[in-house]
């Protein structure tokens, strides 16, 4: 999982900028965005509870 990527995307940071900030590839950011497009906020709540 990539909680930092999700956090940046929720802030409205671009895909390329998110990749640069987090140190993951643009492809990874795109996959995370796609897989979490409907559940990002729920994902963060689960991460915070852990």
PDB file of N, CA and C in Angstrom:
ATOM      1  N   UNK A   1       0.833  -1.181   0.000  1.00  0.00           N
ATOM      2  CA  UNK A   1       0.000   0.000   0.000  1.00  0.00           C
ATOM      3  C   UNK A   1       0.880   1.248   0.000  1.00  0.00           C
ATOM      4  N   UNK A   2       0.305   2.319  -0.451  1.00  0.00           N
ATOM      5  CA  UNK A   2       1.033   3.576  -0.563  1.00  0.00           C
ATOM      6  C   UNK A   2       0.221   4.718   0.054  1.00  0.00           C
ATOM      7  N   UNK A   3       0.143   4.771   1.373  1.00  0.00           N
ATOM      8  CA  UNK A   3      -0.677   5.796   2.013  1.00  0.00           C
ATOM      9  C   UNK A   3      -0.203   7.222   1.722  1.00  0.00           C
ATOM     10  N   UNK A   4       1.083   7.410   1.566  1.00  0.00           N
ATOM     11  CA  UNK A   4       1.617   8.750   1.273  1.00  0.00           C
ATOM     12  C   UNK A   4       1.133   9.227  -0.092  1.00  0.00           C
ATOM     13  N   UNK A   5       1.084   8.305  -1.069  1.00  0.00           N
ATOM     14  CA  UNK A   5       0.588   8.638  -2.403  1.00  0.00           C
ATOM     15  C   UNK A   5      -0.865   9.076  -2.314  1.00  0.00           C
ATOM     16  N   UNK A   6      -1.663   8.331  -1.578  1.00  0.00           N
ATOM     17  CA  UNK A   6      -3.079   8.667  -1.429  1.00  0.00           C
ATOM     18  C   UNK A   6      -3.232  10.035  -0.781  1.00  0.00           C
ATOM     19  N   UNK A   7      -2.453  10.310   0.236  1.00  0.00           N
ATOM     20  CA  UNK A   7      -2.529  11.600   0.916  1.00  0.00           C
ATOM     21  C   UNK A   7      -2.247  12.749  -0.042  1.00  0.00           C
ATOM     22  N   UNK A   8      -1.210  12.597  -0.848  1.00  0.00           N
ATOM     23  CA  UNK A   8      -0.856  13.657  -1.797  1.00  0.00           C
ATOM     24  C   UNK A   8      -1.955  13.849  -2.845  1.00  0.00           C
ATOM     25  N   UNK A   9      -2.499  12.751  -3.351  1.00  0.00           N
ATOM     26  CA  UNK A   9      -3.561  12.850  -4.349  1.00  0.00           C
ATOM     27  C   UNK A   9      -4.793  13.530  -3.779  1.00  0.00           C
ATOM     28  N   UNK A  10      -5.112  13.251  -2.534  1.00  0.00           N
ATOM     29  CA  UNK A  10      -6.268  13.888  -1.901  1.00  0.00           C
ATOM     30  C   UNK A  10      -6.059  15.387  -1.704  1.00  0.00           C
ATOM     31  N   UNK A  11      -4.814  15.808  -1.602  1.00  0.00           N
ATOM     32  CA  UNK A  11      -4.504  17.231  -1.488  1.00  0.00           C
ATOM     33  C   UNK A  11      -4.651  17.940  -2.835  1.00  0.00           C
ATOM     34  N   UNK A  12      -4.769  17.140  -3.900  1.00  0.00           N
ATOM     35  CA  UNK A  12      -4.901  17.727  -5.231  1.00  0.00           C
ATOM     36  C   UNK A  12      -3.586  17.857  -5.972  1.00  0.00           C
ATOM     37  N   UNK A  13      -2.552  17.211  -5.461  1.00  0.00           N
ATOM     38  CA  UNK A  13      -1.240  17.249  -6.096  1.00  0.00           C
ATOM     39  C   UNK A  13      -1.294  16.419  -7.381  1.00  0.00           C
ATOM     40  N   UNK A  14      -0.604  16.872  -8.413  1.00  0.00           N
ATOM     41  CA  UNK A  14      -0.613  16.166  -9.695  1.00  0.00           C
ATOM     42  C   UNK A  14       0.068  14.807  -9.580  1.00  0.00           C
ATOM     43  N   UNK A  15      -0.191  13.968 -10.564  1.00  0.00           N
ATOM     44  CA  UNK A  15       0.393  12.622 -10.572  1.00  0.00           C
ATOM     45  C   UNK A  15       1.918  12.690 -10.630  1.00  0.00           C
ATOM     46  N   UNK A  16       2.449  13.497 -11.525  1.00  0.00           N
ATOM     47  CA  UNK A  16       3.917  13.602 -11.646  1.00  0.00           C
ATOM     48  C   UNK A  16       4.557  14.187 -10.390  1.00  0.00           C
ATOM     49  N   UNK A  17       3.933  15.188  -9.829  1.00  0.00           N
ATOM     50  CA  UNK A  17       4.464  15.806  -8.603  1.00  0.00           C
ATOM     51  C   UNK A  17       4.390  14.811  -7.442  1.00  0.00           C
ATOM     52  N   UNK A  18       3.293  14.065  -7.356  1.00  0.00           N
ATOM     53  CA  UNK A  18       3.154  13.043  -6.322  1.00  0.00           C
ATOM     54  C   UNK A  18       4.261  12.004  -6.444  1.00  0.00           C
ATOM     55  N   UNK A  19       4.551  11.593  -7.669  1.00  0.00           N
ATOM     56  CA  UNK A  19       5.632  10.624  -7.895  1.00  0.00           C
ATOM     57  C   UNK A  19       6.967  11.190  -7.407  1.00  0.00           C
ATOM     58  N   UNK A  20       7.224  12.445  -7.719  1.00  0.00           N
ATOM     59  CA  UNK A  20       8.479  13.071  -7.301  1.00  0.00           C
ATOM     60  C   UNK A  20       8.575  13.199  -5.783  1.00  0.00           C
ATOM     61  N   UNK A  21       7.489  13.582  -5.148  1.00  0.00           N
ATOM     62  CA  UNK A  21       7.474  13.771  -3.692  1.00  0.00           C
ATOM     63  C   UNK A  21       7.656  12.451  -2.961  1.00  0.00           C
ATOM     64  N   UNK A  22       6.966  11.408  -3.434  1.00  0.00           N
ATOM     65  CA  UNK A  22       6.950  10.134  -2.711  1.00  0.00           C
ATOM     66  C   UNK A  22       8.048   9.167  -3.130  1.00  0.00           C
ATOM     67  N   UNK A  23       8.679   9.424  -4.274  1.00  0.00           N
ATOM     68  CA  UNK A  23       9.752   8.547  -4.722  1.00  0.00           C
ATOM     69  C   UNK A  23       9.284   7.269  -5.404  1.00  0.00           C
ATOM     70  N   UNK A  24       8.030   7.242  -5.841  1.00  0.00           N
ATOM     71  CA  UNK A  24       7.528   6.085  -6.582  1.00  0.00           C
ATOM     72  C   UNK A  24       7.347   6.502  -8.042  1.00  0.00           C
ATOM     73  N   UNK A  25       7.135   5.528  -8.906  1.00  0.00           N
ATOM     74  CA  UNK A  25       6.988   5.838 -10.326  1.00  0.00           C
ATOM     75  C   UNK A  25       5.625   6.453 -10.624  1.00  0.00           C
ATOM     76  N   UNK A  26       5.555   7.132 -11.761  1.00  0.00           N
ATOM     77  CA  UNK A  26       4.294   7.712 -12.216  1.00  0.00           C
ATOM     78  C   UNK A  26       3.263   6.603 -12.395  1.00  0.00           C
ATOM     79  N   UNK A  27       3.703   5.450 -12.912  1.00  0.00           N
ATOM     80  CA  UNK A  27       2.797   4.310 -13.107  1.00  0.00           C
ATOM     81  C   UNK A  27       2.189   3.857 -11.788  1.00  0.00           C
ATOM     82  N   UNK A  28       2.988   3.831 -10.738  1.00  0.00           N
ATOM     83  CA  UNK A  28       2.494   3.423  -9.429  1.00  0.00           C
ATOM     84  C   UNK A  28       1.450   4.413  -8.928  1.00  0.00           C
ATOM     85  N   UNK A  29       1.721   5.697  -9.085  1.00  0.00           N
ATOM     86  CA  UNK A  29       0.760   6.715  -8.660  1.00  0.00           C
ATOM     87  C   UNK A  29      -0.549   6.545  -9.427  1.00  0.00           C
ATOM     88  N   UNK A  30      -0.463   6.300 -10.728  1.00  0.00           N
ATOM     89  CA  UNK A  30      -1.666   6.113 -11.534  1.00  0.00           C
ATOM     90  C   UNK A  30      -2.447   4.888 -11.074  1.00  0.00           C
ATOM     91  N   UNK A  31      -1.752   3.802 -10.756  1.00  0.00           N
ATOM     92  CA  UNK A  31      -2.435   2.591 -10.269  1.00  0.00           C
ATOM     93  C   UNK A  31      -3.119   2.845  -8.935  1.00  0.00           C
ATOM     94  N   UNK A  32      -2.423   3.529  -8.040  1.00  0.00           N
ATOM     95  CA  UNK A  32      -3.012   3.839  -6.734  1.00  0.00           C
ATOM     96  C   UNK A  32      -4.237   4.731  -6.913  1.00  0.00           C
ATOM     97  N   UNK A  33      -4.125   5.726  -7.762  1.00  0.00           N
ATOM     98  CA  UNK A  33      -5.247   6.624  -8.007  1.00  0.00           C
ATOM     99  C   UNK A  33      -6.439   5.867  -8.582  1.00  0.00           C
ATOM    100  N   UNK A  34      -6.180   4.996  -9.526  1.00  0.00           N
ATOM    101  CA  UNK A  34      -7.266   4.228 -10.143  1.00  0.00           C
ATOM    102  C   UNK A  34      -7.915   3.284  -9.136  1.00  0.00           C
ATOM    103  N   UNK A  35      -7.108   2.583  -8.358  1.00  0.00           N
ATOM    104  CA  UNK A  35      -7.657   1.596  -7.427  1.00  0.00           C
ATOM    105  C   UNK A  35      -8.372   2.245  -6.247  1.00  0.00           C
ATOM    106  N   UNK A  36      -8.041   3.487  -5.957  1.00  0.00           N
ATOM    107  CA  UNK A  36      -8.640   4.174  -4.815  1.00  0.00           C
ATOM    108  C   UNK A  36      -9.558   5.318  -5.222  1.00  0.00           C
ATOM    109  N   UNK A  37      -9.917   5.391  -6.492  1.00  0.00           N
ATOM    110  CA  UNK A  37     -10.668   6.553  -6.967  1.00  0.00           C
ATOM    111  C   UNK A  37     -12.006   6.724  -6.263  1.00  0.00           C
ATOM    112  N   UNK A  38     -12.609   5.640  -5.798  1.00  0.00           N
ATOM    113  CA  UNK A  38     -13.907   5.753  -5.125  1.00  0.00           C
ATOM    114  C   UNK A  38     -13.801   5.574  -3.617  1.00  0.00           C
ATOM    115  N   UNK A  39     -12.615   5.249  -3.129  1.00  0.00           N
ATOM    116  CA  UNK A  39     -12.523   4.948  -1.700  1.00  0.00           C
ATOM    117  C   UNK A  39     -11.301   5.559  -1.028  1.00  0.00           C
ATOM    118  N   UNK A  40     -10.760   6.636  -1.553  1.00  0.00           N
ATOM    119  CA  UNK A  40      -9.571   7.241  -0.959  1.00  0.00           C
ATOM    120  C   UNK A  40      -9.796   7.678   0.473  1.00  0.00           C
ATOM    121  N   UNK A  41     -10.882   8.361   0.732  1.00  0.00           N
ATOM    122  CA  UNK A  41     -11.100   8.849   2.093  1.00  0.00           C
ATOM    123  C   UNK A  41     -11.282   7.698   3.069  1.00  0.00           C
ATOM    124  N   UNK A  42     -11.946   6.652   2.652  1.00  0.00           N
ATOM    125  CA  UNK A  42     -12.097   5.473   3.500  1.00  0.00           C
ATOM    126  C   UNK A  42     -10.768   4.797   3.748  1.00  0.00           C
ATOM    127  N   UNK A  43      -9.930   4.760   2.741  1.00  0.00           N
ATOM    128  CA  UNK A  43      -8.600   4.173   2.860  1.00  0.00           C
ATOM    129  C   UNK A  43      -7.782   4.914   3.904  1.00  0.00           C
ATOM    130  N   UNK A  44      -7.821   6.248   3.871  1.00  0.00           N
ATOM    131  CA  UNK A  44      -7.065   7.019   4.844  1.00  0.00           C
ATOM    132  C   UNK A  44      -7.586   6.804   6.263  1.00  0.00           C
ATOM    133  N   UNK A  45      -8.879   6.685   6.414  1.00  0.00           N
ATOM    134  CA  UNK A  45      -9.436   6.450   7.746  1.00  0.00           C
ATOM    135  C   UNK A  45      -8.939   5.128   8.309  1.00  0.00           C
ATOM    136  N   UNK A  46      -8.863   4.103   7.471  1.00  0.00           N
ATOM    137  CA  UNK A  46      -8.345   2.806   7.912  1.00  0.00           C
ATOM    138  C   UNK A  46      -6.889   2.932   8.308  1.00  0.00           C
ATOM    139  N   UNK A  47      -6.104   3.662   7.519  1.00  0.00           N
ATOM    140  CA  UNK A  47      -4.681   3.845   7.827  1.00  0.00           C
ATOM    141  C   UNK A  47      -4.489   4.589   9.137  1.00  0.00           C
ATOM    142  N   UNK A  48      -5.305   5.594   9.398  1.00  0.00           N
ATOM    143  CA  UNK A  48      -5.188   6.360  10.636  1.00  0.00           C
ATOM    144  C   UNK A  48      -5.529   5.505  11.850  1.00  0.00           C
ATOM    145  N   UNK A  49      -6.463   4.589  11.694  1.00  0.00           N
ATOM    146  CA  UNK A  49      -6.895   3.732  12.795  1.00  0.00           C
ATOM    147  C   UNK A  49      -5.853   2.687  13.146  1.00  0.00           C
ATOM    148  N   UNK A  50      -4.972   2.379  12.200  1.00  0.00           N
ATOM    149  CA  UNK A  50      -3.961   1.324  12.426  1.00  0.00           C
ATOM    150  C   UNK A  50      -2.886   1.772  13.387  1.00  0.00           C
TER     151      UNK A  50
END
